[in-house]
Amino acid sequence: MVKSKAIIKDPIGLHLRPASNLSQLAVKYESSILLRIGQTTVNAKSVLGILGAAIKCGDEIEFECDGKDEKEAIKALESFASKNL
């Protein structure tokens, strides 16, 4: 299991377009990928789950990947977060 944190910098927060792009990236990996914000944990492969977490600008999120391609998945998520969130 590997984890990584990111801060949401988009003034609108994690809205539909980046949430959709994030879930599309996550489904490419076999590993389980969770997104945590505070006490809320959602499946990062679910755009509705991500939107339901109501992530705002300035929020800290954590990705948790667990599975055989977890290292590749976490690197891709870190790269995505640094460019898109």
C-alpha atoms as a PDB file:
ATOM      1  CA  MET A   1       0.000   0.000   0.000  1.00  0.00           C
ATOM      2  CA  VAL A   2       1.296   3.469  -0.936  1.00  0.00           C
ATOM      3  CA  LYS A   3      -0.076   6.914  -0.099  1.00  0.00           C
ATOM      4  CA  SER A   4       0.367  10.447  -1.345  1.00  0.00           C
ATOM      5  CA  LYS A   5      -1.119  13.816  -0.381  1.00  0.00           C
ATOM      6  CA  ALA A   6      -2.035  16.840  -2.493  1.00  0.00           C
ATOM      7  CA  ILE A   7      -3.534  20.272  -1.892  1.00  0.00           C
ATOM      8  CA  ILE A   8      -6.363  21.430  -4.155  1.00  0.00           C
ATOM      9  CA  LYS A   9      -5.290  24.699  -5.768  1.00  0.00           C
ATOM     10  CA  ASP A  10      -8.108  25.199  -8.296  1.00  0.00           C
ATOM     11  CA  PRO A  11     -10.271  28.098  -7.036  1.00  0.00           C
ATOM     12  CA  ILE A  12     -13.408  26.156  -8.019  1.00  0.00           C
ATOM     13  CA  GLY A  13     -12.281  23.039  -6.155  1.00  0.00           C
ATOM     14  CA  LEU A  14     -12.479  19.531  -7.546  1.00  0.00           C
ATOM     15  CA  HIS A  15     -15.324  20.113 -10.022  1.00  0.00           C
ATOM     16  CA  LEU A  16     -16.737  17.850 -12.732  1.00  0.00           C
ATOM     17  CA  ARG A  17     -13.989  18.043 -15.374  1.00  0.00           C
ATOM     18  CA  PRO A  18     -10.995  17.250 -13.137  1.00  0.00           C
ATOM     19  CA  ALA A  19     -13.066  14.714 -11.170  1.00  0.00           C
ATOM     20  CA  SER A  20     -13.936  12.950 -14.415  1.00  0.00           C
ATOM     21  CA  ASN A  21     -10.327  13.036 -15.612  1.00  0.00           C
ATOM     22  CA  LEU A  22      -9.130  11.725 -12.247  1.00  0.00           C
ATOM     23  CA  SER A  23     -11.559   8.804 -12.271  1.00  0.00           C
ATOM     24  CA  GLN A  24     -10.643   7.985 -15.894  1.00  0.00           C
ATOM     25  CA  LEU A  25      -6.986   7.865 -14.876  1.00  0.00           C
ATOM     26  CA  ALA A  26      -7.719   5.706 -11.821  1.00  0.00           C
ATOM     27  CA  VAL A  27      -9.659   3.057 -13.769  1.00  0.00           C
ATOM     28  CA  LYS A  28      -6.571   2.374 -15.884  1.00  0.00           C
ATOM     29  CA  TYR A  29      -4.980   0.650 -12.890  1.00  0.00           C
ATOM     30  CA  GLU A  30      -5.830  -2.711 -11.390  1.00  0.00           C
ATOM     31  CA  SER A  31      -5.019  -1.512  -7.871  1.00  0.00           C
ATOM     32  CA  SER A  32      -7.643  -0.291  -5.463  1.00  0.00           C
ATOM     33  CA  ILE A  33      -7.427   3.523  -5.401  1.00  0.00           C
ATOM     34  CA  LEU A  34      -9.038   5.484  -2.603  1.00  0.00           C
ATOM     35  CA  LEU A  35      -9.275   9.234  -2.144  1.00  0.00           C
ATOM     36  CA  ARG A  36      -9.520  10.596   1.392  1.00  0.00           C
ATOM     37  CA  ILE A  37     -10.466  14.028   2.628  1.00  0.00           C
ATOM     38  CA  GLY A  38     -10.862  14.358   6.371  1.00  0.00           C
ATOM     39  CA  GLN A  39     -13.013  11.473   7.577  1.00  0.00           C
ATOM     40  CA  THR A  40     -14.465  10.842   4.107  1.00  0.00           C
ATOM     41  CA  THR A  41     -13.083   8.049   1.916  1.00  0.00           C
ATOM     42  CA  VAL A  42     -14.272   7.474  -1.648  1.00  0.00           C
ATOM     43  CA  ASN A  43     -13.352   5.216  -4.530  1.00  0.00           C
ATOM     44  CA  ALA A  44     -11.209   7.337  -6.889  1.00  0.00           C
ATOM     45  CA  LYS A  45     -12.535   5.289  -9.806  1.00  0.00           C
ATOM     46  CA  SER A  46     -16.017   6.761  -9.224  1.00  0.00           C
ATOM     47  CA  VAL A  47     -16.618  10.271 -10.534  1.00  0.00           C
ATOM     48  CA  LEU A  48     -19.809  10.485  -8.454  1.00  0.00           C
ATOM     49  CA  GLY A  49     -17.896   9.476  -5.340  1.00  0.00           C
ATOM     50  CA  ILE A  50     -15.301  12.172  -5.975  1.00  0.00           C
ATOM     51  CA  LEU A  51     -17.948  14.832  -6.603  1.00  0.00           C
ATOM     52  CA  GLY A  52     -19.865  13.700  -3.515  1.00  0.00           C
ATOM     53  CA  ALA A  53     -16.829  14.427  -1.350  1.00  0.00           C
ATOM     54  CA  ALA A  54     -17.325  18.163  -2.123  1.00  0.00           C
ATOM     55  CA  ILE A  55     -13.595  18.944  -2.270  1.00  0.00           C
ATOM     56  CA  LYS A  56     -12.862  22.673  -2.174  1.00  0.00           C
ATOM     57  CA  CYS A  57      -9.875  24.897  -2.896  1.00  0.00           C
ATOM     58  CA  GLY A  58      -7.293  24.568  -0.132  1.00  0.00           C
ATOM     59  CA  ASP A  59      -8.436  21.087   0.945  1.00  0.00           C
ATOM     60  CA  GLU A  60      -5.793  18.419   1.452  1.00  0.00           C
ATOM     61  CA  ILE A  61      -6.587  15.080  -0.136  1.00  0.00           C
ATOM     62  CA  GLU A  62      -4.795  11.762   0.185  1.00  0.00           C
ATOM     63  CA  PHE A  63      -4.566   9.019  -2.410  1.00  0.00           C
ATOM     64  CA  GLU A  64      -4.128   5.424  -1.257  1.00  0.00           C
ATOM     65  CA  CYS A  65      -3.249   2.728  -3.779  1.00  0.00           C
ATOM     66  CA  ASP A  66      -3.139  -0.959  -2.978  1.00  0.00           C
ATOM     67  CA  GLY A  67      -2.408  -3.669  -5.519  1.00  0.00           C
ATOM     68  CA  LYS A  68       0.156  -5.033  -7.909  1.00  0.00           C
ATOM     69  CA  ASP A  69       0.498  -1.792  -9.930  1.00  0.00           C
ATOM     70  CA  GLU A  70       0.229   0.545  -6.924  1.00  0.00           C
ATOM     71  CA  LYS A  71       3.578   2.268  -7.497  1.00  0.00           C
ATOM     72  CA  GLU A  72       2.753   3.143 -11.086  1.00  0.00           C
ATOM     73  CA  ALA A  73      -0.710   4.304 -10.059  1.00  0.00           C
ATOM     74  CA  ILE A  74       0.524   6.587  -7.270  1.00  0.00           C
ATOM     75  CA  LYS A  75       3.113   8.171  -9.582  1.00  0.00           C
ATOM     76  CA  ALA A  76       0.418   8.863 -12.182  1.00  0.00           C
ATOM     77  CA  LEU A  77      -1.902  10.333  -9.538  1.00  0.00           C
ATOM     78  CA  GLU A  78       0.860  12.547  -8.133  1.00  0.00           C
ATOM     79  CA  SER A  79       1.643  13.829 -11.614  1.00  0.00           C
ATOM     80  CA  PHE A  80      -2.042  14.431 -12.353  1.00  0.00           C
ATOM     81  CA  ALA A  81      -2.558  16.255  -9.053  1.00  0.00           C
ATOM     82  CA  SER A  82       0.429  18.548  -9.564  1.00  0.00           C
ATOM     83  CA  LYS A  83      -0.800  19.592 -13.021  1.00  0.00           C
ATOM     84  CA  ASN A  84      -4.586  19.541 -12.716  1.00  0.00           C
ATOM     85  CA  LEU A  85      -5.661  20.056  -9.129  1.00  0.00           C
END
